[in-house]
């Protein structure tokens, strides 16, 4: 059974940091590129960052470049999203993605 389970979301003040984790199971994690998406309130889901299967290639949305870092640990079947210098506009439900597979999402709220 394929599962992607996100964790690490929460409420943080502007300028703060969070690290999201996505634990994968039920498929061969190490051969899949992985992505993080987010869906702000009332808006469509958008790509935030992606990482190649081996971790050597990453790409980011312009809105998060220089602030967010995607990484993965293939030994732990886990992908991470380190988010620094958070802004209110980063408020969204964040989803882990592997091809057609999606996690349930984790809420990130940036507010003072």
PDB file of N, CA and C in Angstrom:
ATOM      1  N   UNK A   1       0.847  -1.189   0.000  1.00  0.00           N
ATOM      2  CA  UNK A   1       0.000   0.000   0.000  1.00  0.00           C
ATOM      3  C   UNK A   1       0.888   1.247   0.000  1.00  0.00           C
ATOM      4  N   UNK A   2       0.706   2.084  -1.010  1.00  0.00           N
ATOM      5  CA  UNK A   2       1.499   3.310  -1.118  1.00  0.00           C
ATOM      6  C   UNK A   2       1.020   4.330  -0.094  1.00  0.00           C
ATOM      7  N   UNK A   3       1.971   4.879   0.641  1.00  0.00           N
ATOM      8  CA  UNK A   3       1.644   5.921   1.607  1.00  0.00           C
ATOM      9  C   UNK A   3       2.688   7.023   1.582  1.00  0.00           C
ATOM     10  N   UNK A   4       2.215   8.256   1.659  1.00  0.00           N
ATOM     11  CA  UNK A   4       3.061   9.425   1.863  1.00  0.00           C
ATOM     12  C   UNK A   4       2.471  10.161   3.059  1.00  0.00           C
ATOM     13  N   UNK A   5       3.256  10.306   4.109  1.00  0.00           N
ATOM     14  CA  UNK A   5       2.747  10.898   5.346  1.00  0.00           C
ATOM     15  C   UNK A   5       3.585  12.122   5.687  1.00  0.00           C
ATOM     16  N   UNK A   6       2.964  13.303   5.581  1.00  0.00           N
ATOM     17  CA  UNK A   6       3.641  14.554   5.895  1.00  0.00           C
ATOM     18  C   UNK A   6       3.526  14.861   7.380  1.00  0.00           C
ATOM     19  N   UNK A   7       4.522  15.569   7.886  1.00  0.00           N
ATOM     20  CA  UNK A   7       4.501  16.061   9.257  1.00  0.00           C
ATOM     21  C   UNK A   7       5.366  17.300   9.350  1.00  0.00           C
ATOM     22  N   UNK A   8       5.238  18.005  10.475  1.00  0.00           N
ATOM     23  CA  UNK A   8       6.091  19.159  10.723  1.00  0.00           C
ATOM     24  C   UNK A   8       5.436  20.503  10.527  1.00  0.00           C
ATOM     25  N   UNK A   9       4.201  20.526  10.071  1.00  0.00           N
ATOM     26  CA  UNK A   9       3.518  21.798   9.909  1.00  0.00           C
ATOM     27  C   UNK A   9       3.145  22.409  11.244  1.00  0.00           C
ATOM     28  N   UNK A  10       2.633  23.639  11.176  1.00  0.00           N
ATOM     29  CA  UNK A  10       2.218  24.307  12.404  1.00  0.00           C
ATOM     30  C   UNK A  10       2.086  25.790  12.210  1.00  0.00           C
ATOM     31  N   UNK A  11       1.973  26.487  13.335  1.00  0.00           N
ATOM     32  CA  UNK A  11       1.872  27.947  13.346  1.00  0.00           C
ATOM     33  C   UNK A  11       3.238  28.537  13.676  1.00  0.00           C
ATOM     34  N   UNK A  12       3.669  29.492  12.862  1.00  0.00           N
ATOM     35  CA  UNK A  12       4.972  30.114  13.068  1.00  0.00           C
ATOM     36  C   UNK A  12       4.855  31.601  12.768  1.00  0.00           C
ATOM     37  N   UNK A  13       5.662  32.399  13.444  1.00  0.00           N
ATOM     38  CA  UNK A  13       5.657  33.841  13.205  1.00  0.00           C
ATOM     39  C   UNK A  13       6.432  34.172  11.930  1.00  0.00           C
ATOM     40  N   UNK A  14       6.104  35.292  11.296  1.00  0.00           N
ATOM     41  CA  UNK A  14       6.887  35.722  10.128  1.00  0.00           C
ATOM     42  C   UNK A  14       8.369  35.789  10.472  1.00  0.00           C
ATOM     43  N   UNK A  15       9.188  35.307   9.534  1.00  0.00           N
ATOM     44  CA  UNK A  15      10.619  35.240   9.762  1.00  0.00           C
ATOM     45  C   UNK A  15      11.088  33.942  10.384  1.00  0.00           C
ATOM     46  N   UNK A  16      10.153  33.134  10.834  1.00  0.00           N
ATOM     47  CA  UNK A  16      10.509  31.875  11.475  1.00  0.00           C
ATOM     48  C   UNK A  16      10.798  30.758  10.489  1.00  0.00           C
ATOM     49  N   UNK A  17      11.036  29.572  11.048  1.00  0.00           N
ATOM     50  CA  UNK A  17      11.406  28.405  10.245  1.00  0.00           C
ATOM     51  C   UNK A  17      10.585  27.190  10.646  1.00  0.00           C
ATOM     52  N   UNK A  18      10.411  26.299   9.683  1.00  0.00           N
ATOM     53  CA  UNK A  18       9.815  24.993   9.910  1.00  0.00           C
ATOM     54  C   UNK A  18      10.498  23.995   9.006  1.00  0.00           C
ATOM     55  N   UNK A  19      10.514  22.747   9.430  1.00  0.00           N
ATOM     56  CA  UNK A  19      10.989  21.672   8.557  1.00  0.00           C
ATOM     57  C   UNK A  19       9.882  20.644   8.407  1.00  0.00           C
ATOM     58  N   UNK A  20       9.454  20.466   7.176  1.00  0.00           N
ATOM     59  CA  UNK A  20       8.458  19.450   6.871  1.00  0.00           C
ATOM     60  C   UNK A  20       9.151  18.146   6.506  1.00  0.00           C
ATOM     61  N   UNK A  21       8.511  17.043   6.869  1.00  0.00           N
ATOM     62  CA  UNK A  21       8.999  15.715   6.506  1.00  0.00           C
ATOM     63  C   UNK A  21       7.889  14.952   5.799  1.00  0.00           C
ATOM     64  N   UNK A  22       8.286  14.079   4.907  1.00  0.00           N
ATOM     65  CA  UNK A  22       7.331  13.213   4.217  1.00  0.00           C
ATOM     66  C   UNK A  22       7.923  11.804   4.221  1.00  0.00           C
ATOM     67  N   UNK A  23       7.294  10.925   4.967  1.00  0.00           N
ATOM     68  CA  UNK A  23       7.737   9.537   5.051  1.00  0.00           C
ATOM     69  C   UNK A  23       6.985   8.704   4.021  1.00  0.00           C
ATOM     70  N   UNK A  24       7.728   8.010   3.180  1.00  0.00           N
ATOM     71  CA  UNK A  24       7.141   7.231   2.091  1.00  0.00           C
ATOM     72  C   UNK A  24       7.236   5.741   2.373  1.00  0.00           C
ATOM     73  N   UNK A  25       6.243   4.997   1.903  1.00  0.00           N
ATOM     74  CA  UNK A  25       6.268   3.547   2.026  1.00  0.00           C
ATOM     75  C   UNK A  25       5.413   2.937   0.919  1.00  0.00           C
ATOM     76  N   UNK A  26       5.658   1.673   0.638  1.00  0.00           N
ATOM     77  CA  UNK A  26       4.846   0.955  -0.328  1.00  0.00           C
ATOM     78  C   UNK A  26       5.300   1.063  -1.772  1.00  0.00           C
ATOM     79  N   UNK A  27       6.404   1.750  -2.016  1.00  0.00           N
ATOM     80  CA  UNK A  27       6.961   1.801  -3.364  1.00  0.00           C
ATOM     81  C   UNK A  27       8.467   2.028  -3.244  1.00  0.00           C
ATOM     82  N   UNK A  28       9.155   1.895  -4.381  1.00  0.00           N
ATOM     83  CA  UNK A  28      10.619   2.011  -4.374  1.00  0.00           C
ATOM     84  C   UNK A  28      11.009   3.475  -4.396  1.00  0.00           C
ATOM     85  N   UNK A  29      11.087   4.032  -3.215  1.00  0.00           N
ATOM     86  CA  UNK A  29      11.282   5.473  -3.040  1.00  0.00           C
ATOM     87  C   UNK A  29      12.506   5.984  -3.794  1.00  0.00           C
ATOM     88  N   UNK A  30      13.585   5.239  -3.756  1.00  0.00           N
ATOM     89  CA  UNK A  30      14.867   5.755  -4.237  1.00  0.00           C
ATOM     90  C   UNK A  30      14.895   5.995  -5.747  1.00  0.00           C
ATOM     91  N   UNK A  31      13.935   5.467  -6.490  1.00  0.00           N
ATOM     92  CA  UNK A  31      13.957   5.652  -7.944  1.00  0.00           C
ATOM     93  C   UNK A  31      13.012   6.755  -8.404  1.00  0.00           C
ATOM     94  N   UNK A  32      12.325   7.377  -7.450  1.00  0.00           N
ATOM     95  CA  UNK A  32      11.350   8.401  -7.809  1.00  0.00           C
ATOM     96  C   UNK A  32      11.837   9.806  -7.484  1.00  0.00           C
ATOM     97  N   UNK A  33      11.671  10.721  -8.418  1.00  0.00           N
ATOM     98  CA  UNK A  33      11.768  12.122  -8.073  1.00  0.00           C
ATOM     99  C   UNK A  33      10.622  12.485  -7.146  1.00  0.00           C
ATOM    100  N   UNK A  34      10.860  13.403  -6.245  1.00  0.00           N
ATOM    101  CA  UNK A  34       9.858  13.790  -5.249  1.00  0.00           C
ATOM    102  C   UNK A  34       9.632  15.294  -5.323  1.00  0.00           C
ATOM    103  N   UNK A  35       8.424  15.694  -4.946  1.00  0.00           N
ATOM    104  CA  UNK A  35       8.075  17.107  -5.002  1.00  0.00           C
ATOM    105  C   UNK A  35       7.285  17.513  -3.765  1.00  0.00           C
ATOM    106  N   UNK A  36       7.353  18.809  -3.487  1.00  0.00           N
ATOM    107  CA  UNK A  36       6.453  19.428  -2.526  1.00  0.00           C
ATOM    108  C   UNK A  36       5.582  20.421  -3.284  1.00  0.00           C
ATOM    109  N   UNK A  37       4.297  20.366  -2.997  1.00  0.00           N
ATOM    110  CA  UNK A  37       3.328  21.329  -3.518  1.00  0.00           C
ATOM    111  C   UNK A  37       2.672  22.028  -2.329  1.00  0.00           C
ATOM    112  N   UNK A  38       1.999  23.116  -2.615  1.00  0.00           N
ATOM    113  CA  UNK A  38       1.210  23.774  -1.571  1.00  0.00           C
ATOM    114  C   UNK A  38      -0.071  24.345  -2.173  1.00  0.00           C
ATOM    115  N   UNK A  39      -1.078  24.458  -1.327  1.00  0.00           N
ATOM    116  CA  UNK A  39      -2.343  25.042  -1.746  1.00  0.00           C
ATOM    117  C   UNK A  39      -2.758  26.104  -0.741  1.00  0.00           C
ATOM    118  N   UNK A  40      -2.552  27.373  -1.098  1.00  0.00           N
ATOM    119  CA  UNK A  40      -2.988  28.461  -0.204  1.00  0.00           C
ATOM    120  C   UNK A  40      -4.514  28.510  -0.125  1.00  0.00           C
ATOM    121  N   UNK A  41      -5.055  29.135   0.897  1.00  0.00           N
ATOM    122  CA  UNK A  41      -6.514  29.226   1.027  1.00  0.00           C
ATOM    123  C   UNK A  41      -7.141  29.889  -0.195  1.00  0.00           C
ATOM    124  N   UNK A  42      -8.126  29.227  -0.780  1.00  0.00           N
ATOM    125  CA  UNK A  42      -8.849  29.788  -1.907  1.00  0.00           C
ATOM    126  C   UNK A  42      -8.104  29.801  -3.227  1.00  0.00           C
ATOM    127  N   UNK A  43      -6.941  29.158  -3.260  1.00  0.00           N
ATOM    128  CA  UNK A  43      -6.143  29.164  -4.490  1.00  0.00           C
ATOM    129  C   UNK A  43      -5.862  27.745  -4.953  1.00  0.00           C
ATOM    130  N   UNK A  44      -5.292  27.636  -6.148  1.00  0.00           N
ATOM    131  CA  UNK A  44      -4.966  26.325  -6.697  1.00  0.00           C
ATOM    132  C   UNK A  44      -3.647  25.802  -6.111  1.00  0.00           C
ATOM    133  N   UNK A  45      -3.495  24.498  -6.189  1.00  0.00           N
ATOM    134  CA  UNK A  45      -2.262  23.870  -5.739  1.00  0.00           C
ATOM    135  C   UNK A  45      -1.126  24.274  -6.675  1.00  0.00           C
ATOM    136  N   UNK A  46       0.047  24.528  -6.106  1.00  0.00           N
ATOM    137  CA  UNK A  46       1.207  24.967  -6.884  1.00  0.00           C
ATOM    138  C   UNK A  46       2.459  24.218  -6.454  1.00  0.00           C
ATOM    139  N   UNK A  47       3.348  24.046  -7.440  1.00  0.00           N
ATOM    140  CA  UNK A  47       4.619  23.380  -7.174  1.00  0.00           C
ATOM    141  C   UNK A  47       5.536  24.299  -6.372  1.00  0.00           C
ATOM    142  N   UNK A  48       6.131  23.759  -5.330  1.00  0.00           N
ATOM    143  CA  UNK A  48       7.067  24.510  -4.499  1.00  0.00           C
ATOM    144  C   UNK A  48       8.505  24.110  -4.805  1.00  0.00           C
ATOM    145  N   UNK A  49       8.780  22.816  -4.803  1.00  0.00           N
ATOM    146  CA  UNK A  49      10.149  22.351  -5.006  1.00  0.00           C
ATOM    147  C   UNK A  49      10.122  20.903  -5.455  1.00  0.00           C
ATOM    148  N   UNK A  50      11.169  20.520  -6.181  1.00  0.00           N
ATOM    149  CA  UNK A  50      11.293  19.125  -6.557  1.00  0.00           C
ATOM    150  C   UNK A  50      12.745  18.694  -6.470  1.00  0.00           C
ATOM    151  N   UNK A  51      12.935  17.392  -6.329  1.00  0.00           N
ATOM    152  CA  UNK A  51      14.268  16.826  -6.179  1.00  0.00           C
ATOM    153  C   UNK A  51      14.329  15.521  -6.963  1.00  0.00           C
ATOM    154  N   UNK A  52      15.467  15.296  -7.612  1.00  0.00           N
ATOM    155  CA  UNK A  52      15.634  14.085  -8.404  1.00  0.00           C
ATOM    156  C   UNK A  52      15.774  12.864  -7.502  1.00  0.00           C
ATOM    157  N   UNK A  53      15.736  11.694  -8.123  1.00  0.00           N
ATOM    158  CA  UNK A  53      15.755  10.453  -7.344  1.00  0.00           C
ATOM    159  C   UNK A  53      17.008  10.322  -6.484  1.00  0.00           C
ATOM    160  N   UNK A  54      18.134  10.762  -7.017  1.00  0.00           N
ATOM    161  CA  UNK A  54      19.385  10.658  -6.270  1.00  0.00           C
ATOM    162  C   UNK A  54      19.683  11.875  -5.407  1.00  0.00           C
ATOM    163  N   UNK A  55      18.871  12.898  -5.570  1.00  0.00           N
ATOM    164  CA  UNK A  55      19.050  14.110  -4.771  1.00  0.00           C
ATOM    165  C   UNK A  55      19.999  15.136  -5.371  1.00  0.00           C
ATOM    166  N   UNK A  56      20.563  14.835  -6.540  1.00  0.00           N
ATOM    167  CA  UNK A  56      21.563  15.731  -7.094  1.00  0.00           C
ATOM    168  C   UNK A  56      21.009  16.939  -7.815  1.00  0.00           C
ATOM    169  N   UNK A  57      19.730  16.906  -8.157  1.00  0.00           N
ATOM    170  CA  UNK A  57      19.103  18.016  -8.874  1.00  0.00           C
ATOM    171  C   UNK A  57      17.875  18.493  -8.109  1.00  0.00           C
ATOM    172  N   UNK A  58      17.811  19.796  -7.922  1.00  0.00           N
ATOM    173  CA  UNK A  58      16.658  20.402  -7.258  1.00  0.00           C
ATOM    174  C   UNK A  58      16.189  21.613  -8.058  1.00  0.00           C
ATOM    175  N   UNK A  59      14.917  21.913  -7.924  1.00  0.00           N
ATOM    176  CA  UNK A  59      14.345  23.108  -8.539  1.00  0.00           C
ATOM    177  C   UNK A  59      13.306  23.699  -7.596  1.00  0.00           C
ATOM    178  N   UNK A  60      13.141  25.016  -7.697  1.00  0.00           N
ATOM    179  CA  UNK A  60      12.261  25.718  -6.771  1.00  0.00           C
ATOM    180  C   UNK A  60      11.386  26.731  -7.509  1.00  0.00           C
ATOM    181  N   UNK A  61      10.219  26.951  -6.959  1.00  0.00           N
ATOM    182  CA  UNK A  61       9.407  28.062  -7.423  1.00  0.00           C
ATOM    183  C   UNK A  61      10.126  29.362  -7.110  1.00  0.00           C
ATOM    184  N   UNK A  62       9.957  30.361  -7.963  1.00  0.00           N
ATOM    185  CA  UNK A  62      10.638  31.641  -7.751  1.00  0.00           C
ATOM    186  C   UNK A  62      10.292  32.245  -6.394  1.00  0.00           C
ATOM    187  N   UNK A  63       9.087  32.007  -5.939  1.00  0.00           N
ATOM    188  CA  UNK A  63       8.622  32.622  -4.694  1.00  0.00           C
ATOM    189  C   UNK A  63       9.328  32.080  -3.460  1.00  0.00           C
ATOM    190  N   UNK A  64       9.998  30.940  -3.564  1.00  0.00           N
ATOM    191  CA  UNK A  64      10.645  30.346  -2.389  1.00  0.00           C
ATOM    192  C   UNK A  64      12.158  30.201  -2.561  1.00  0.00           C
ATOM    193  N   UNK A  65      12.686  30.531  -3.711  1.00  0.00           N
ATOM    194  CA  UNK A  65      14.123  30.405  -3.943  1.00  0.00           C
ATOM    195  C   UNK A  65      14.910  31.194  -2.916  1.00  0.00           C
ATOM    196  N   UNK A  66      15.942  30.559  -2.374  1.00  0.00           N
ATOM    197  CA  UNK A  66      16.786  31.219  -1.379  1.00  0.00           C
ATOM    198  C   UNK A  66      16.256  31.103   0.036  1.00  0.00           C
ATOM    199  N   UNK A  67      15.016  30.634   0.187  1.00  0.00           N
ATOM    200  CA  UNK A  67      14.422  30.503   1.525  1.00  0.00           C
ATOM    201  C   UNK A  67      14.117  29.040   1.876  1.00  0.00           C
ATOM    202  N   UNK A  68      13.734  28.261   0.890  1.00  0.00           N
ATOM    203  CA  UNK A  68      13.364  26.863   1.113  1.00  0.00           C
ATOM    204  C   UNK A  68      14.439  25.943   0.536  1.00  0.00           C
ATOM    205  N   UNK A  69      14.615  24.788   1.171  1.00  0.00           N
ATOM    206  CA  UNK A  69      15.548  23.773   0.688  1.00  0.00           C
ATOM    207  C   UNK A  69      14.888  22.407   0.752  1.00  0.00           C
ATOM    208  N   UNK A  70      14.868  21.728  -0.378  1.00  0.00           N
ATOM    209  CA  UNK A  70      14.354  20.363  -0.430  1.00  0.00           C
ATOM    210  C   UNK A  70      15.530  19.400  -0.353  1.00  0.00           C
ATOM    211  N   UNK A  71      15.348  18.310   0.376  1.00  0.00           N
ATOM    212  CA  UNK A  71      16.386  17.291   0.486  1.00  0.00           C
ATOM    213  C   UNK A  71      15.713  15.938   0.704  1.00  0.00           C
ATOM    214  N   UNK A  72      16.505  14.887   0.621  1.00  0.00           N
ATOM    215  CA  UNK A  72      15.944  13.562   0.814  1.00  0.00           C
ATOM    216  C   UNK A  72      16.977  12.643   1.437  1.00  0.00           C
ATOM    217  N   UNK A  73      16.479  11.617   2.122  1.00  0.00           N
ATOM    218  CA  UNK A  73      17.310  10.578   2.691  1.00  0.00           C
ATOM    219  C   UNK A  73      16.751   9.249   2.186  1.00  0.00           C
ATOM    220  N   UNK A  74      17.395   8.687   1.189  1.00  0.00           N
ATOM    221  CA  UNK A  74      16.864   7.464   0.581  1.00  0.00           C
ATOM    222  C   UNK A  74      16.965   6.265   1.526  1.00  0.00           C
ATOM    223  N   UNK A  75      17.851   6.326   2.494  1.00  0.00           N
ATOM    224  CA  UNK A  75      17.946   5.243   3.480  1.00  0.00           C
ATOM    225  C   UNK A  75      16.746   5.246   4.421  1.00  0.00           C
ATOM    226  N   UNK A  76      16.142   6.423   4.587  1.00  0.00           N
ATOM    227  CA  UNK A  76      14.991   6.554   5.476  1.00  0.00           C
ATOM    228  C   UNK A  76      13.676   6.710   4.719  1.00  0.00           C
ATOM    229  N   UNK A  77      13.736   6.679   3.387  1.00  0.00           N
ATOM    230  CA  UNK A  77      12.525   6.859   2.563  1.00  0.00           C
ATOM    231  C   UNK A  77      11.789   8.135   2.937  1.00  0.00           C
ATOM    232  N   UNK A  78      12.540   9.196   3.093  1.00  0.00           N
ATOM    233  CA  UNK A  78      11.955  10.453   3.571  1.00  0.00           C
ATOM    234  C   UNK A  78      12.463  11.626   2.745  1.00  0.00           C
ATOM    235  N   UNK A  79      11.560  12.544   2.448  1.00  0.00           N
ATOM    236  CA  UNK A  79      11.925  13.796   1.796  1.00  0.00           C
ATOM    237  C   UNK A  79      11.567  14.937   2.747  1.00  0.00           C
ATOM    238  N   UNK A  80      12.374  15.976   2.717  1.00  0.00           N
ATOM    239  CA  UNK A  80      12.232  17.094   3.647  1.00  0.00           C
ATOM    240  C   UNK A  80      12.049  18.404   2.884  1.00  0.00           C
ATOM    241  N   UNK A  81      11.462  19.357   3.572  1.00  0.00           N
ATOM    242  CA  UNK A  81      11.406  20.730   3.069  1.00  0.00           C
ATOM    243  C   UNK A  81      11.740  21.661   4.222  1.00  0.00           C
ATOM    244  N   UNK A  82      12.938  22.212   4.186  1.00  0.00           N
ATOM    245  CA  UNK A  82      13.350  23.203   5.189  1.00  0.00           C
ATOM    246  C   UNK A  82      12.873  24.563   4.719  1.00  0.00           C
ATOM    247  N   UNK A  83      12.099  25.228   5.535  1.00  0.00           N
ATOM    248  CA  UNK A  83      11.517  26.522   5.177  1.00  0.00           C
ATOM    249  C   UNK A  83      12.011  27.581   6.152  1.00  0.00           C
ATOM    250  N   UNK A  84      12.742  28.539   5.647  1.00  0.00           N
ATOM    251  CA  UNK A  84      13.279  29.634   6.456  1.00  0.00           C
ATOM    252  C   UNK A  84      12.682  30.963   6.000  1.00  0.00           C
ATOM    253  N   UNK A  85      12.829  31.963   6.836  1.00  0.00           N
ATOM    254  CA  UNK A  85      12.343  33.316   6.524  1.00  0.00           C
ATOM    255  C   UNK A  85      10.897  33.278   6.031  1.00  0.00           C
ATOM    256  N   UNK A  86      10.079  32.579   6.767  1.00  0.00           N
ATOM    257  CA  UNK A  86       8.699  32.378   6.341  1.00  0.00           C
ATOM    258  C   UNK A  86       7.917  33.683   6.319  1.00  0.00           C
ATOM    259  N   UNK A  87       7.004  33.765   5.345  1.00  0.00           N
ATOM    260  CA  UNK A  87       6.174  34.944   5.151  1.00  0.00           C
ATOM    261  C   UNK A  87       4.700  34.552   5.265  1.00  0.00           C
ATOM    262  N   UNK A  88       3.841  35.502   5.571  1.00  0.00           N
ATOM    263  CA  UNK A  88       2.407  35.177   5.635  1.00  0.00           C
ATOM    264  C   UNK A  88       1.891  34.529   4.353  1.00  0.00           C
ATOM    265  N   UNK A  89       2.439  34.912   3.214  1.00  0.00           N
ATOM    266  CA  UNK A  89       1.990  34.334   1.945  1.00  0.00           C
ATOM    267  C   UNK A  89       2.437  32.887   1.746  1.00  0.00           C
ATOM    268  N   UNK A  90       3.256  32.369   2.654  1.00  0.00           N
ATOM    269  CA  UNK A  90       3.608  30.943   2.619  1.00  0.00           C
ATOM    270  C   UNK A  90       2.538  30.080   3.293  1.00  0.00           C
ATOM    271  N   UNK A  91       1.550  30.709   3.899  1.00  0.00           N
ATOM    272  CA  UNK A  91       0.474  29.965   4.540  1.00  0.00           C
ATOM    273  C   UNK A  91      -0.261  29.110   3.518  1.00  0.00           C
ATOM    274  N   UNK A  92      -0.344  27.816   3.796  1.00  0.00           N
ATOM    275  CA  UNK A  92      -0.941  26.874   2.848  1.00  0.00           C
ATOM    276  C   UNK A  92      -0.949  25.483   3.467  1.00  0.00           C
ATOM    277  N   UNK A  93      -1.664  24.590   2.809  1.00  0.00           N
ATOM    278  CA  UNK A  93      -1.502  23.168   3.094  1.00  0.00           C
ATOM    279  C   UNK A  93      -0.401  22.658   2.160  1.00  0.00           C
ATOM    280  N   UNK A  94       0.584  22.010   2.739  1.00  0.00           N
ATOM    281  CA  UNK A  94       1.737  21.521   1.982  1.00  0.00           C
ATOM    282  C   UNK A  94       1.587  20.008   1.767  1.00  0.00           C
ATOM    283  N   UNK A  95       1.801  19.605   0.514  1.00  0.00           N
ATOM    284  CA  UNK A  95       1.621  18.210   0.112  1.00  0.00           C
ATOM    285  C   UNK A  95       2.914  17.640  -0.453  1.00  0.00           C
ATOM    286  N   UNK A  96       3.142  16.402  -0.132  1.00  0.00           N
ATOM    287  CA  UNK A  96       4.237  15.628  -0.698  1.00  0.00           C
ATOM    288  C   UNK A  96       3.706  14.877  -1.918  1.00  0.00           C
ATOM    289  N   UNK A  97       4.531  14.784  -2.955  1.00  0.00           N
ATOM    290  CA  UNK A  97       4.089  14.136  -4.188  1.00  0.00           C
ATOM    291  C   UNK A  97       5.173  13.248  -4.767  1.00  0.00           C
ATOM    292  N   UNK A  98       4.746  12.088  -5.272  1.00  0.00           N
ATOM    293  CA  UNK A  98       5.618  11.188  -6.023  1.00  0.00           C
ATOM    294  C   UNK A  98       4.802  10.691  -7.210  1.00  0.00           C
ATOM    295  N   UNK A  99       4.935  11.345  -8.349  1.00  0.00           N
ATOM    296  CA  UNK A  99       4.165  10.973  -9.529  1.00  0.00           C
ATOM    297  C   UNK A  99       2.680  11.171  -9.285  1.00  0.00           C
ATOM    298  N   UNK A 100       1.915  10.087  -9.305  1.00  0.00           N
ATOM    299  CA  UNK A 100       0.471  10.167  -9.091  1.00  0.00           C
ATOM    300  C   UNK A 100       0.097  10.016  -7.617  1.00  0.00           C
ATOM    301  N   UNK A 101       1.075   9.913  -6.767  1.00  0.00           N
ATOM    302  CA  UNK A 101       0.833   9.658  -5.347  1.00  0.00           C
ATOM    303  C   UNK A 101       0.907  10.965  -4.561  1.00  0.00           C
ATOM    304  N   UNK A 102      -0.044  11.156  -3.643  1.00  0.00           N
ATOM    305  CA  UNK A 102      -0.100  12.352  -2.824  1.00  0.00           C
ATOM    306  C   UNK A 102      -0.260  11.986  -1.357  1.00  0.00           C
ATOM    307  N   UNK A 103       0.337  12.820  -0.498  1.00  0.00           N
ATOM    308  CA  UNK A 103       0.066  12.690   0.914  1.00  0.00           C
ATOM    309  C   UNK A 103      -1.215  13.414   1.283  1.00  0.00           C
ATOM    310  N   UNK A 104      -1.521  13.403   2.578  1.00  0.00           N
ATOM    311  CA  UNK A 104      -2.762  14.019   3.053  1.00  0.00           C
ATOM    312  C   UNK A 104      -2.597  15.520   3.307  1.00  0.00           C
ATOM    313  N   UNK A 105      -1.361  15.967   3.347  1.00  0.00           N
ATOM    314  CA  UNK A 105      -1.093  17.389   3.546  1.00  0.00           C
ATOM    315  C   UNK A 105      -0.846  17.742   5.000  1.00  0.00           C
ATOM    316  N   UNK A 106      -0.096  18.826   5.189  1.00  0.00           N
ATOM    317  CA  UNK A 106       0.147  19.363   6.524  1.00  0.00           C
ATOM    318  C   UNK A 106      -0.006  20.884   6.457  1.00  0.00           C
ATOM    319  N   UNK A 107      -0.699  21.447   7.418  1.00  0.00           N
ATOM    320  CA  UNK A 107      -1.009  22.870   7.415  1.00  0.00           C
ATOM    321  C   UNK A 107       0.165  23.684   7.940  1.00  0.00           C
ATOM    322  N   UNK A 108       0.534  24.695   7.194  1.00  0.00           N
ATOM    323  CA  UNK A 108       1.528  25.682   7.630  1.00  0.00           C
ATOM    324  C   UNK A 108       0.844  27.041   7.676  1.00  0.00           C
ATOM    325  N   UNK A 109       0.895  27.673   8.831  1.00  0.00           N
ATOM    326  CA  UNK A 109       0.299  28.989   9.002  1.00  0.00           C
ATOM    327  C   UNK A 109       1.366  29.947   9.506  1.00  0.00           C
ATOM    328  N   UNK A 110       1.572  31.014   8.766  1.00  0.00           N
ATOM    329  CA  UNK A 110       2.566  32.030   9.130  1.00  0.00           C
ATOM    330  C   UNK A 110       1.810  33.292   9.519  1.00  0.00           C
ATOM    331  N   UNK A 111       1.860  33.599  10.795  1.00  0.00           N
ATOM    332  CA  UNK A 111       1.078  34.723  11.299  1.00  0.00           C
ATOM    333  C   UNK A 111       1.652  35.203  12.620  1.00  0.00           C
ATOM    334  N   UNK A 112       1.522  36.503  12.853  1.00  0.00           N
ATOM    335  CA  UNK A 112       1.940  37.050  14.134  1.00  0.00           C
ATOM    336  C   UNK A 112       0.756  37.118  15.097  1.00  0.00           C
TER     337      UNK A 112
END
